[in-house]
Amino acid sequence: MNYLKKYADQVKYISDEMKAGNLSPAQGAVQLQAVAVLAEQDADEMEDAVYAARLRKFADMIYGVIEKMQSGRRVVQ
């Protein structure tokens, strides 16, 4: 199973829902955090170290997005 694609699709769906106004930024952040946690859990269970590292990096990227969403520096365009 391609976990990276699965999680990327979930992140895209959450992003699209927030852009459409169906999810608030707070709700989106909670859902993104859940995706990141699942990616980390799958990375811990991976036998392929390179693929596990990619999953962890993807989770870190999601956490970075969540941090930017929650900061006071956020600019609405």
C-alpha atoms as a PDB file:
ATOM      1  CA  MET A   1       0.000   0.000   0.000  1.00  0.00           C
ATOM      2  CA  ASN A   2       1.246   3.482  -0.851  1.00  0.00           C
ATOM      3  CA  TYR A   3       0.859   5.245   2.484  1.00  0.00           C
ATOM      4  CA  LEU A   4       2.330   8.520   1.246  1.00  0.00           C
ATOM      5  CA  LYS A   5      -0.324   8.813  -1.458  1.00  0.00           C
ATOM      6  CA  LYS A   6      -3.061   7.851   0.978  1.00  0.00           C
ATOM      7  CA  TYR A   7      -2.034  10.526   3.467  1.00  0.00           C
ATOM      8  CA  ALA A   8      -1.382  13.129   0.762  1.00  0.00           C
ATOM      9  CA  ASP A   9      -4.906  12.543  -0.558  1.00  0.00           C
ATOM     10  CA  GLN A  10      -6.319  13.012   2.954  1.00  0.00           C
ATOM     11  CA  VAL A  11      -4.374  16.252   3.423  1.00  0.00           C
ATOM     12  CA  LYS A  12      -5.604  17.525   0.051  1.00  0.00           C
ATOM     13  CA  TYR A  13      -9.199  16.680   0.956  1.00  0.00           C
ATOM     14  CA  ILE A  14      -8.905  18.534   4.293  1.00  0.00           C
ATOM     15  CA  SER A  15      -7.312  21.518   2.542  1.00  0.00           C
ATOM     16  CA  ASP A  16     -10.060  21.612  -0.077  1.00  0.00           C
ATOM     17  CA  GLU A  17     -12.742  21.433   2.614  1.00  0.00           C
ATOM     18  CA  MET A  18     -11.172  24.354   4.490  1.00  0.00           C
ATOM     19  CA  LYS A  19     -10.912  26.405   1.273  1.00  0.00           C
ATOM     20  CA  ALA A  20     -14.569  25.673   0.523  1.00  0.00           C
ATOM     21  CA  GLY A  21     -15.559  26.833   4.013  1.00  0.00           C
ATOM     22  CA  ASN A  22     -16.834  23.431   5.112  1.00  0.00           C
ATOM     23  CA  LEU A  23     -14.170  23.165   7.830  1.00  0.00           C
ATOM     24  CA  SER A  24     -12.874  25.879  10.119  1.00  0.00           C
ATOM     25  CA  PRO A  25      -9.100  26.222  10.464  1.00  0.00           C
ATOM     26  CA  ALA A  26      -9.358  24.733  13.968  1.00  0.00           C
ATOM     27  CA  GLN A  27     -11.273  21.698  12.682  1.00  0.00           C
ATOM     28  CA  GLY A  28      -8.831  21.327   9.814  1.00  0.00           C
ATOM     29  CA  ALA A  29      -5.887  21.454  12.211  1.00  0.00           C
ATOM     30  CA  VAL A  30      -7.385  18.668  14.315  1.00  0.00           C
ATOM     31  CA  GLN A  31      -7.934  16.505  11.254  1.00  0.00           C
ATOM     32  CA  LEU A  32      -4.443  17.232   9.932  1.00  0.00           C
ATOM     33  CA  GLN A  33      -2.983  16.285  13.296  1.00  0.00           C
ATOM     34  CA  ALA A  34      -4.829  12.963  13.142  1.00  0.00           C
ATOM     35  CA  VAL A  35      -3.351  12.280   9.693  1.00  0.00           C
ATOM     36  CA  ALA A  36       0.143  13.124  10.968  1.00  0.00           C
ATOM     37  CA  VAL A  37      -0.235  10.786  13.950  1.00  0.00           C
ATOM     38  CA  LEU A  38      -1.376   7.946  11.681  1.00  0.00           C
ATOM     39  CA  ALA A  39       1.582   8.561   9.356  1.00  0.00           C
ATOM     40  CA  GLU A  40       3.964   8.385  12.328  1.00  0.00           C
ATOM     41  CA  GLN A  41       2.363   5.176  13.565  1.00  0.00           C
ATOM     42  CA  ASP A  42       2.676   3.572  10.146  1.00  0.00           C
ATOM     43  CA  ALA A  43       6.289   4.735   9.929  1.00  0.00           C
ATOM     44  CA  ASP A  44       7.021   3.000  13.236  1.00  0.00           C
ATOM     45  CA  GLU A  45       5.644  -0.273  11.838  1.00  0.00           C
ATOM     46  CA  MET A  46       7.533  -0.072   8.508  1.00  0.00           C
ATOM     47  CA  GLU A  47      10.323  -2.501   7.794  1.00  0.00           C
ATOM     48  CA  ASP A  48      11.663  -0.320   4.975  1.00  0.00           C
ATOM     49  CA  ALA A  49      13.731   2.336   6.773  1.00  0.00           C
ATOM     50  CA  VAL A  50      13.829   4.693   3.784  1.00  0.00           C
ATOM     51  CA  TYR A  51      10.059   4.634   3.333  1.00  0.00           C
ATOM     52  CA  ALA A  52       9.561   5.058   7.090  1.00  0.00           C
ATOM     53  CA  ALA A  53      11.802   8.130   6.995  1.00  0.00           C
ATOM     54  CA  ARG A  54       9.688   9.567   4.176  1.00  0.00           C
ATOM     55  CA  LEU A  55       6.524   9.020   6.198  1.00  0.00           C
ATOM     56  CA  ARG A  56       8.098  10.729   9.218  1.00  0.00           C
ATOM     57  CA  LYS A  57       9.189  13.663   7.048  1.00  0.00           C
ATOM     58  CA  PHE A  58       5.659  13.941   5.669  1.00  0.00           C
ATOM     59  CA  ALA A  59       4.281  13.966   9.225  1.00  0.00           C
ATOM     60  CA  ASP A  60       6.770  16.696  10.153  1.00  0.00           C
ATOM     61  CA  MET A  61       5.591  18.738   7.181  1.00  0.00           C
ATOM     62  CA  ILE A  62       1.993  18.392   8.354  1.00  0.00           C
ATOM     63  CA  TYR A  63       2.971  19.520  11.855  1.00  0.00           C
ATOM     64  CA  GLY A  64       4.701  22.535  10.277  1.00  0.00           C
ATOM     65  CA  VAL A  65       1.504  23.466   8.457  1.00  0.00           C
ATOM     66  CA  ILE A  66      -0.520  23.104  11.670  1.00  0.00           C
ATOM     67  CA  GLU A  67       1.945  25.359  13.500  1.00  0.00           C
ATOM     68  CA  LYS A  68       1.619  28.031  10.808  1.00  0.00           C
ATOM     69  CA  MET A  69      -2.174  27.773  10.956  1.00  0.00           C
ATOM     70  CA  GLN A  70      -2.192  28.357  14.710  1.00  0.00           C
ATOM     71  CA  SER A  71       0.301  31.205  14.817  1.00  0.00           C
ATOM     72  CA  GLY A  72      -0.682  34.835  15.128  1.00  0.00           C
ATOM     73  CA  ARG A  73       1.318  35.514  11.971  1.00  0.00           C
ATOM     74  CA  ARG A  74      -1.323  33.922   9.769  1.00  0.00           C
ATOM     75  CA  VAL A  75      -2.499  36.213   6.991  1.00  0.00           C
ATOM     76  CA  VAL A  76      -5.868  35.634   5.339  1.00  0.00           C
ATOM     77  CA  GLN A  77      -5.830  36.421   1.639  1.00  0.00           C
END
